[in-house]
């Protein structure tokens, strides 16, 4: 299982990578493994300003549907369009090709509330 050390994590199993005031968000390798084969990703929040912990979309696996939560507040500026035709990218490449949204951060202080890699590993028992 892969846990990049340069990312921040949420208790709901999203990861976030920050570059200036833009963040990229997806779900962790652990989360995609727990969900199983992902068959559909629905994100219809592009252009919306959402607060931390708001639902920004859903991911559907063969046996379940799971909400996706904002790790920080901000505007969703981009949705990974590759997931429309290839949702399995979330399974095969959760940290690169399987990213879900890009966010323009509205409160960088919220980044301090996220988990580092060691805290996330402890949360999931790894």
N, C-alpha and C. Protein backbone atom coordinates (compact mmCIF):
# COMPACT_ATOMS: atom_id res chain seq x y z
N UNK A 1 0.84 -1.18 0.00
CA UNK A 1 0.00 0.00 0.00
C UNK A 1 0.89 1.25 0.00
N UNK A 2 0.48 2.22 -0.76
CA UNK A 2 1.29 3.41 -0.98
C UNK A 2 0.76 4.59 -0.16
N UNK A 3 1.68 5.27 0.56
CA UNK A 3 1.34 6.45 1.36
C UNK A 3 2.38 7.54 1.10
N UNK A 4 2.20 8.36 0.06
CA UNK A 4 3.19 9.41 -0.21
C UNK A 4 3.35 10.35 0.99
N UNK A 5 4.61 10.62 1.33
CA UNK A 5 4.90 11.42 2.51
C UNK A 5 4.67 12.92 2.29
N UNK A 6 4.60 13.35 1.03
CA UNK A 6 4.44 14.78 0.74
C UNK A 6 2.99 15.24 0.77
N UNK A 7 2.05 14.33 1.03
CA UNK A 7 0.64 14.67 1.03
C UNK A 7 0.11 14.85 2.45
N UNK A 8 -1.05 15.49 2.56
CA UNK A 8 -1.81 15.56 3.80
C UNK A 8 -3.02 14.66 3.60
N UNK A 9 -3.59 14.18 4.70
CA UNK A 9 -4.68 13.21 4.64
C UNK A 9 -5.82 13.62 5.57
N UNK A 10 -7.03 13.09 5.28
CA UNK A 10 -8.18 13.32 6.15
C UNK A 10 -8.58 12.01 6.81
N UNK A 11 -9.37 12.12 7.87
CA UNK A 11 -9.90 10.93 8.53
C UNK A 11 -10.91 10.21 7.65
N UNK A 12 -11.42 10.91 6.62
CA UNK A 12 -12.38 10.30 5.69
C UNK A 12 -11.68 9.69 4.47
N UNK A 13 -10.33 9.66 4.49
CA UNK A 13 -9.51 8.97 3.49
C UNK A 13 -9.32 9.73 2.18
N UNK A 14 -9.42 11.06 2.22
CA UNK A 14 -8.99 11.86 1.08
C UNK A 14 -7.54 12.27 1.29
N UNK A 15 -6.86 12.51 0.19
CA UNK A 15 -5.51 13.09 0.25
C UNK A 15 -5.56 14.45 -0.43
N UNK A 16 -4.59 15.30 -0.08
CA UNK A 16 -4.51 16.63 -0.66
C UNK A 16 -3.04 16.98 -0.89
N UNK A 17 -2.78 17.53 -2.05
CA UNK A 17 -1.46 18.02 -2.43
C UNK A 17 -1.61 19.51 -2.72
N UNK A 18 -0.74 20.34 -2.13
CA UNK A 18 -0.88 21.79 -2.25
C UNK A 18 0.28 22.37 -3.04
N UNK A 19 -0.06 23.24 -4.01
CA UNK A 19 0.93 23.97 -4.79
C UNK A 19 0.47 25.43 -4.83
N UNK A 20 1.04 26.25 -3.95
CA UNK A 20 0.61 27.64 -3.84
C UNK A 20 -0.78 27.70 -3.24
N UNK A 21 -1.73 28.32 -3.94
CA UNK A 21 -3.10 28.39 -3.42
C UNK A 21 -4.03 27.42 -4.14
N UNK A 22 -3.43 26.43 -4.84
CA UNK A 22 -4.22 25.41 -5.53
C UNK A 22 -3.90 24.05 -4.92
N UNK A 23 -4.94 23.29 -4.66
CA UNK A 23 -4.77 21.95 -4.09
C UNK A 23 -5.41 20.92 -5.01
N UNK A 24 -4.80 19.75 -5.07
CA UNK A 24 -5.34 18.61 -5.80
C UNK A 24 -5.82 17.60 -4.75
N UNK A 25 -7.00 17.01 -4.99
CA UNK A 25 -7.62 16.11 -4.01
C UNK A 25 -8.01 14.81 -4.68
N UNK A 26 -7.84 13.72 -3.95
CA UNK A 26 -8.30 12.40 -4.39
C UNK A 26 -8.56 11.53 -3.18
N UNK A 27 -8.79 10.24 -3.41
CA UNK A 27 -8.92 9.32 -2.28
C UNK A 27 -7.67 8.47 -2.19
N UNK A 28 -7.39 7.99 -0.99
CA UNK A 28 -6.15 7.28 -0.73
C UNK A 28 -6.15 5.87 -1.31
N UNK A 29 -4.97 5.31 -1.38
CA UNK A 29 -4.79 3.94 -1.82
C UNK A 29 -5.58 3.00 -0.90
N UNK A 30 -5.55 3.28 0.40
CA UNK A 30 -6.31 2.49 1.37
C UNK A 30 -7.80 2.54 1.04
N UNK A 31 -8.33 3.75 0.79
CA UNK A 31 -9.76 3.92 0.52
C UNK A 31 -10.19 3.17 -0.74
N UNK A 32 -9.40 3.32 -1.82
CA UNK A 32 -9.80 2.62 -3.05
C UNK A 32 -9.76 1.12 -2.86
N UNK A 33 -8.82 0.63 -2.05
CA UNK A 33 -8.73 -0.80 -1.77
C UNK A 33 -9.93 -1.30 -0.98
N UNK A 34 -10.39 -0.49 -0.02
CA UNK A 34 -11.56 -0.85 0.77
C UNK A 34 -12.83 -0.82 -0.08
N UNK A 35 -12.93 0.12 -1.00
CA UNK A 35 -14.11 0.23 -1.84
C UNK A 35 -14.19 -0.89 -2.87
N UNK A 36 -13.05 -1.32 -3.38
CA UNK A 36 -13.04 -2.33 -4.44
C UNK A 36 -13.09 -1.66 -5.80
N UNK A 37 -13.52 -2.41 -6.81
CA UNK A 37 -13.52 -1.90 -8.17
C UNK A 37 -14.45 -0.70 -8.34
N UNK A 38 -13.87 0.44 -8.66
CA UNK A 38 -14.64 1.66 -8.83
C UNK A 38 -15.19 1.71 -10.25
N UNK A 39 -16.50 1.93 -10.35
CA UNK A 39 -17.17 1.90 -11.64
C UNK A 39 -17.70 3.26 -12.08
N UNK A 40 -17.77 4.24 -11.16
CA UNK A 40 -18.31 5.54 -11.51
C UNK A 40 -17.88 6.58 -10.49
N UNK A 41 -17.48 7.74 -10.98
CA UNK A 41 -17.17 8.88 -10.12
C UNK A 41 -18.07 10.02 -10.57
N UNK A 42 -18.84 10.57 -9.62
CA UNK A 42 -19.75 11.67 -9.94
C UNK A 42 -19.35 12.91 -9.16
N UNK A 43 -18.94 13.93 -9.90
CA UNK A 43 -18.58 15.21 -9.29
C UNK A 43 -19.22 16.31 -10.14
N UNK A 44 -20.21 16.96 -9.56
CA UNK A 44 -20.95 18.00 -10.28
C UNK A 44 -20.84 19.34 -9.55
N UNK A 45 -19.70 19.57 -8.91
CA UNK A 45 -19.54 20.76 -8.08
C UNK A 45 -18.51 21.74 -8.64
N UNK A 46 -18.09 21.55 -9.88
CA UNK A 46 -17.11 22.47 -10.46
C UNK A 46 -17.66 23.89 -10.44
N UNK A 47 -16.80 24.84 -10.02
CA UNK A 47 -17.19 26.23 -9.94
C UNK A 47 -17.84 26.62 -8.63
N UNK A 48 -18.11 25.65 -7.77
CA UNK A 48 -18.75 25.93 -6.50
C UNK A 48 -17.73 26.19 -5.40
N UNK A 49 -18.08 27.08 -4.49
CA UNK A 49 -17.31 27.29 -3.27
C UNK A 49 -17.91 26.40 -2.19
N UNK A 50 -17.10 25.51 -1.65
CA UNK A 50 -17.58 24.58 -0.63
C UNK A 50 -16.73 24.72 0.62
N UNK A 51 -17.36 24.48 1.75
CA UNK A 51 -16.62 24.55 3.01
C UNK A 51 -16.00 23.20 3.34
N UNK A 52 -15.03 23.25 4.22
CA UNK A 52 -14.36 22.04 4.69
C UNK A 52 -15.41 21.04 5.17
N UNK A 53 -15.22 19.79 4.86
CA UNK A 53 -16.08 18.66 5.24
C UNK A 53 -17.37 18.57 4.43
N UNK A 54 -17.61 19.50 3.50
CA UNK A 54 -18.77 19.40 2.61
C UNK A 54 -18.57 18.25 1.63
N UNK A 55 -19.66 17.69 1.16
CA UNK A 55 -19.59 16.64 0.14
C UNK A 55 -19.40 17.30 -1.22
N UNK A 56 -18.36 16.85 -1.97
CA UNK A 56 -18.14 17.41 -3.30
C UNK A 56 -18.45 16.43 -4.42
N UNK A 57 -18.79 15.20 -4.08
CA UNK A 57 -19.12 14.21 -5.08
C UNK A 57 -19.29 12.84 -4.45
N UNK A 58 -19.41 11.84 -5.32
CA UNK A 58 -19.51 10.45 -4.85
C UNK A 58 -18.65 9.55 -5.73
N UNK A 59 -18.26 8.45 -5.14
CA UNK A 59 -17.55 7.42 -5.88
C UNK A 59 -18.34 6.13 -5.70
N UNK A 60 -18.58 5.46 -6.82
CA UNK A 60 -19.39 4.24 -6.79
C UNK A 60 -18.51 3.05 -7.12
N UNK A 61 -18.54 2.08 -6.22
CA UNK A 61 -17.85 0.82 -6.45
C UNK A 61 -18.92 -0.24 -6.73
N UNK A 62 -18.49 -1.44 -7.01
CA UNK A 62 -19.43 -2.50 -7.37
C UNK A 62 -20.48 -2.70 -6.29
N UNK A 63 -20.07 -2.62 -5.01
CA UNK A 63 -20.99 -2.95 -3.92
C UNK A 63 -21.44 -1.76 -3.07
N UNK A 64 -20.91 -0.55 -3.33
CA UNK A 64 -21.25 0.57 -2.44
C UNK A 64 -21.06 1.91 -3.14
N UNK A 65 -21.66 2.93 -2.57
CA UNK A 65 -21.44 4.31 -3.00
C UNK A 65 -20.93 5.07 -1.79
N UNK A 66 -19.90 5.89 -1.99
CA UNK A 66 -19.30 6.62 -0.89
C UNK A 66 -19.19 8.10 -1.24
N UNK A 67 -19.52 8.94 -0.26
CA UNK A 67 -19.38 10.39 -0.46
C UNK A 67 -17.91 10.79 -0.45
N UNK A 68 -17.62 11.88 -1.16
CA UNK A 68 -16.30 12.49 -1.18
C UNK A 68 -16.39 13.81 -0.43
N UNK A 69 -15.45 14.04 0.49
CA UNK A 69 -15.52 15.21 1.36
C UNK A 69 -14.37 16.17 1.09
N UNK A 70 -14.67 17.46 1.17
CA UNK A 70 -13.67 18.51 1.01
C UNK A 70 -12.71 18.49 2.21
N UNK A 71 -11.41 18.35 1.97
CA UNK A 71 -10.46 18.39 3.08
C UNK A 71 -10.26 19.80 3.62
N UNK A 72 -10.50 20.79 2.78
CA UNK A 72 -10.37 22.21 3.14
C UNK A 72 -11.44 22.99 2.37
N UNK A 73 -11.65 24.24 2.77
CA UNK A 73 -12.61 25.09 2.07
C UNK A 73 -11.98 25.65 0.81
N UNK A 74 -12.82 25.84 -0.21
CA UNK A 74 -12.33 26.45 -1.44
C UNK A 74 -13.27 26.25 -2.61
N UNK A 75 -12.85 26.79 -3.75
CA UNK A 75 -13.63 26.67 -4.98
C UNK A 75 -13.09 25.54 -5.83
N UNK A 76 -13.98 24.67 -6.27
CA UNK A 76 -13.56 23.58 -7.16
C UNK A 76 -13.37 24.18 -8.55
N UNK A 77 -12.12 24.22 -8.99
CA UNK A 77 -11.79 24.86 -10.26
C UNK A 77 -11.66 23.87 -11.41
N UNK A 78 -11.45 22.61 -11.08
CA UNK A 78 -11.27 21.60 -12.13
C UNK A 78 -11.67 20.24 -11.61
N UNK A 79 -12.29 19.44 -12.48
CA UNK A 79 -12.64 18.06 -12.20
C UNK A 79 -11.86 17.20 -13.19
N UNK A 80 -11.33 16.09 -12.72
CA UNK A 80 -10.56 15.19 -13.58
C UNK A 80 -11.51 14.52 -14.58
N UNK A 81 -11.54 15.04 -15.79
CA UNK A 81 -12.46 14.52 -16.81
C UNK A 81 -12.11 13.11 -17.26
N UNK A 82 -10.88 12.68 -17.04
CA UNK A 82 -10.48 11.31 -17.42
C UNK A 82 -11.28 10.27 -16.64
N UNK A 83 -11.78 10.64 -15.46
CA UNK A 83 -12.52 9.67 -14.65
C UNK A 83 -13.89 9.35 -15.22
N UNK A 84 -14.41 10.21 -16.11
CA UNK A 84 -15.71 9.94 -16.73
C UNK A 84 -15.68 8.64 -17.53
N UNK A 85 -14.63 8.46 -18.31
CA UNK A 85 -14.54 7.25 -19.13
C UNK A 85 -13.63 6.18 -18.52
N UNK A 86 -12.81 6.56 -17.53
CA UNK A 86 -11.89 5.61 -16.90
C UNK A 86 -11.91 5.73 -15.38
N UNK A 87 -13.04 5.44 -14.72
CA UNK A 87 -13.09 5.57 -13.26
C UNK A 87 -12.11 4.64 -12.55
N UNK A 88 -11.69 3.57 -13.24
CA UNK A 88 -10.76 2.62 -12.64
C UNK A 88 -9.38 3.23 -12.39
N UNK A 89 -9.11 4.42 -12.93
CA UNK A 89 -7.86 5.12 -12.61
C UNK A 89 -7.73 5.37 -11.12
N UNK A 90 -8.86 5.52 -10.43
CA UNK A 90 -8.82 5.71 -8.98
C UNK A 90 -8.24 4.47 -8.31
N UNK A 91 -8.54 3.29 -8.85
CA UNK A 91 -7.97 2.05 -8.31
C UNK A 91 -6.51 1.88 -8.69
N UNK A 92 -6.19 2.10 -9.95
CA UNK A 92 -4.85 1.78 -10.45
C UNK A 92 -3.82 2.86 -10.14
N UNK A 93 -4.25 4.11 -9.98
CA UNK A 93 -3.31 5.22 -9.81
C UNK A 93 -3.93 6.34 -8.97
N UNK A 94 -4.27 6.05 -7.70
CA UNK A 94 -5.04 7.01 -6.91
C UNK A 94 -4.35 8.35 -6.67
N UNK A 95 -3.02 8.40 -6.72
CA UNK A 95 -2.31 9.63 -6.39
C UNK A 95 -1.88 10.45 -7.62
N UNK A 96 -2.06 9.91 -8.80
CA UNK A 96 -1.66 10.64 -10.00
C UNK A 96 -2.83 10.71 -10.98
N UNK A 97 -2.99 9.72 -11.83
CA UNK A 97 -4.06 9.74 -12.82
C UNK A 97 -5.45 9.71 -12.24
N UNK A 98 -5.59 9.23 -10.99
CA UNK A 98 -6.90 9.09 -10.36
C UNK A 98 -7.30 10.25 -9.46
N UNK A 99 -6.59 11.38 -9.56
CA UNK A 99 -7.00 12.55 -8.76
C UNK A 99 -8.42 12.94 -9.14
N UNK A 100 -9.10 13.66 -8.27
CA UNK A 100 -10.52 13.96 -8.51
C UNK A 100 -10.81 15.42 -8.81
N UNK A 101 -10.33 16.33 -7.96
CA UNK A 101 -10.62 17.75 -8.17
C UNK A 101 -9.40 18.61 -7.83
N UNK A 102 -9.42 19.81 -8.40
CA UNK A 102 -8.48 20.86 -8.01
C UNK A 102 -9.29 21.95 -7.34
N UNK A 103 -8.74 22.50 -6.28
CA UNK A 103 -9.42 23.50 -5.45
C UNK A 103 -8.56 24.74 -5.33
N UNK A 104 -9.18 25.91 -5.46
CA UNK A 104 -8.52 27.17 -5.12
C UNK A 104 -8.81 27.39 -3.64
N UNK A 105 -7.76 27.30 -2.82
CA UNK A 105 -7.92 27.38 -1.37
C UNK A 105 -8.46 28.73 -0.93
N UNK A 106 -9.37 28.69 0.04
CA UNK A 106 -9.88 29.94 0.61
C UNK A 106 -9.41 30.16 2.04
N UNK A 107 -8.87 29.11 2.69
CA UNK A 107 -8.39 29.25 4.06
C UNK A 107 -7.23 28.27 4.27
N UNK A 108 -6.02 28.73 4.02
CA UNK A 108 -4.85 27.84 4.11
C UNK A 108 -4.61 27.36 5.55
N UNK A 109 -5.13 28.05 6.53
CA UNK A 109 -4.95 27.62 7.93
C UNK A 109 -5.59 26.25 8.16
N UNK A 110 -6.61 25.91 7.38
CA UNK A 110 -7.27 24.60 7.54
C UNK A 110 -6.33 23.44 7.22
N UNK A 111 -5.27 23.69 6.47
CA UNK A 111 -4.30 22.63 6.16
C UNK A 111 -3.67 22.09 7.43
N UNK A 112 -3.58 22.93 8.46
CA UNK A 112 -2.98 22.51 9.72
C UNK A 112 -3.81 21.46 10.45
N UNK A 113 -5.09 21.33 10.10
CA UNK A 113 -5.97 20.36 10.75
C UNK A 113 -5.87 18.97 10.13
N UNK A 114 -5.15 18.85 9.02
CA UNK A 114 -5.07 17.57 8.31
C UNK A 114 -3.98 16.68 8.90
N UNK A 115 -4.04 15.41 8.56
CA UNK A 115 -3.10 14.42 9.08
C UNK A 115 -1.85 14.34 8.21
N UNK A 116 -0.70 14.15 8.85
CA UNK A 116 0.50 13.83 8.07
C UNK A 116 0.49 12.32 7.82
N UNK A 117 1.48 11.85 7.07
CA UNK A 117 1.47 10.44 6.66
C UNK A 117 1.50 9.49 7.87
N UNK A 118 2.25 9.83 8.90
CA UNK A 118 2.34 8.94 10.07
C UNK A 118 1.02 8.89 10.85
N UNK A 119 0.38 10.03 10.98
CA UNK A 119 -0.92 10.06 11.68
C UNK A 119 -1.97 9.30 10.87
N UNK A 120 -1.92 9.40 9.55
CA UNK A 120 -2.88 8.67 8.72
C UNK A 120 -2.64 7.16 8.82
N UNK A 121 -1.38 6.76 8.76
CA UNK A 121 -1.07 5.32 8.90
C UNK A 121 -1.56 4.79 10.24
N UNK A 122 -1.40 5.59 11.30
CA UNK A 122 -1.86 5.17 12.63
C UNK A 122 -3.39 5.04 12.63
N UNK A 123 -4.07 5.96 11.97
CA UNK A 123 -5.53 5.95 11.90
C UNK A 123 -6.05 4.65 11.29
N UNK A 124 -5.40 4.18 10.25
CA UNK A 124 -5.87 2.98 9.55
C UNK A 124 -5.16 1.69 10.01
N UNK A 125 -4.27 1.83 10.99
CA UNK A 125 -3.62 0.65 11.56
C UNK A 125 -2.48 0.08 10.72
N UNK A 126 -1.75 0.95 10.02
CA UNK A 126 -0.60 0.49 9.22
C UNK A 126 0.69 0.97 9.79
